[in-house]
Amino acid sequence: MEVTRTNFNELLDDINNAIKQASFIAFDAEFTGLEDTKHGHALPFDTPEERYTKLRKGSLDFLVLQFGLCTFKYDNKKKRHIAQPFNFYVFPKPYSRQAPDRRFMCQSSSIDFLVSQGFDFNKVFCEGIPYLTPTQENALKETIEQKHLLHAQFSSPAFTSPHGQDIGPNKGPIAIPDDQKSFINGIVDQISIFMEKSEEESLNLPVCNGFQRKLIYQTVRNKFSSVHLEAKKGEKKDRYICVTKISGEEEMKMREGAKQAAERAEIDDAVGFSKVVRMISQSGKLLVGHNMLLDVMHTINQFHFPLPEEYEDFKSMTKCIFPKLVDTKLMAQTHPFKDHIPVSVLGDLHKTLSFKPFELAEVEFPKGYTNYNDNSKYHEAGYDAFVTGLCFASMKNFLGSFQKPPKDFVSPSSPLVEPFMNKLFLMRNFEVPYMNLNGADLTANRDHVFHMTFPKDWKSNDISNLFSAHGNVQIFWLDDTTALVALYKKENSKSAYDDLHVQKSNFTIQKYKDFLSFSDGEKHNKNSHSKSTVRKRSHNETDNDVPSKKKKTLNVAAQPFVYKQPDVISEGDDSSNTSNTSTTDVTMVDSTHNTQIDVKEDVKEADKLFEETAAW
């Protein structure tokens, strides 16, 4: 269902009910851009903290233009999900001159891509739903209340700006300049004729500027006691004053009260789409996304609060706002799914789940909602949200096939889903594949990674040949003269470094940790250095202004996903092997549709089911 500023308020109750009744919620967003490369590309050796810092600095000046939301409610009788997709167009249109006037960046490749997908930019700019963060909303409400308080204190509008531009009292009526006297006299004549001869109840004065409106307010209130003045805005945003006849002071108070109520309602309307995001947060429902880190960061930053500088603060904030998150891209690249899913791009994942050994979950749409089963619209946020939720429903049910006896339906609140909870997929990161919001992140040994500088005419083969005695390498270009080089055979790291760093040649080699330390020391001076031409498929230097923290070391031989006793699956440790042959009986209540689920989980099978291989 398409939602714009025109029908947003009309549909708000339906949206709220869909969220409240949902078993889980899927979402997706479309942006004006993805990354500002001056803060560094994502590198395969980033820690989660480094990746967050890069994205926070380099991505959040872009804007969410379209937000897709799809609620999924399981129907026990029909044995299928009821899907209610919503496709929101959002745009931070300032409702008044006091409202925030958001400035944002665009990335030409992203805009071009949206155009190629048929994105309607006229609709987003003309009919996009506005929004305010809680901080912005409270500031505007405070400004309005101060304006109303001052109006009550000073009966003459000459003491306050008619639009709240100056919320403090002025020194009194100002003298009318000579060049404005004829204009003001003309206004007085118009109102005199209107009051004496016209049968109309109101008169719209000519469009004028703010200073002229102030002169009108102070002059008319002194000359006419039975009129009410109200500033209004025309279709082309031209401002004018509407004069209305009133019977006396009581009607004046009534009209002022109605005007103030309208101003408060205007702020409530300006909160707009943020109401939906708050509904999602307050519901506490499981929120599903696909490669969702950027979606989560933008949603929090744009509709809730500015993202904190500290990574650990971000993790805490995210858990507070969205306590249950699942990333289907991480699921697709984890056992037991990765053996059956060759490509985890959303469209390919959807196709793969349509065939054995998977079975696509059955879904129906209520009357009035877009039937996305018959209509593929990839990169429309509402459709992508639907497909993401459909993939999650199918994948969680697949986990039931490993149970004894097998189960056709697995609840979103099942312990089987717990291993994937609050782990956000990290793109292009080989050994730390996710950001763990539940606790300490995995870390990896980088002793096999080196930083090299070399002549500008060097190619990949020149670098590979240097390391040929020590095995194959992966090369990640930073610019034309620097690259990161990773050995496949990690055990040869020491011999490779000992061999190469003593050679007298036209290249230099550093250990990765030394490169990070050097970069951290040089970061304040980097703007003074000339930038080399970047290769077409290269990565820029990382921004390593990140404080070091004690983190959990990755044990590639460990099996991170195992059950916690008595009823939760979590990252395991070596002490869990005492329960490998035990069986846990768990009775769960699915609060979504008020049914009891008897879960008989075999812990030994779970060890195999959620094993993370050394490839990570």
Foldseek 3Di string as FASTA:
>chain_A
DEDWLVCQVVCVVVLLVLLLLFLFKEKDFAKLDAWDQVQWDDAQADDPQLVVLRCLVTPQLIATQKMKMKGWFADPVVRFTAIFIYIAGADADAPDPLADDRHGDGDVVSVVVCVVLVNDPCCNVVTHQHADAPVRLVVLVVLLVLQVVVCVVDVQCLQDQLRSPPSGGDPGHDDDDPVCVVVLVVVVVVVVCCVPPNPDFKDWDDFDDRVSVSVNRRVCVVVDFFWEWHWDADPVRGITIMIGGHDHDVVNVVVVVVVSVVSNVSSVSNNTPLVSLQSNQVSLHAYEYALCPSVLQNCCCVNYHNADSGPLVNLVVSCNRRVWYFHVLVVCCFFPNVVQQVDSDLVSLLVSQVDPPWNFGDYDYDPPHDPCVVPDSPPSGRSNRVSRVRSVQGSQLVLQVLAVPRDNGDRCPALVVQARIQWRADPSHFQQGTDHSVDFGEHEDQLQKKKKFADLPDDPVVVQVLCVVPAGWDWAAAASGMIMIGHPPSVCSVVSCVVPQPDDDRMHMGRPVVVLVVCCVCVVVVVVDDDHHHDPPHMHDHNNVHDDDDGDYDDQPAFQWFADPPGHTGTDDPVPVVCQQPKHWDWDASPSVGDIDTGIDRRVSRSVRGGHHSSD
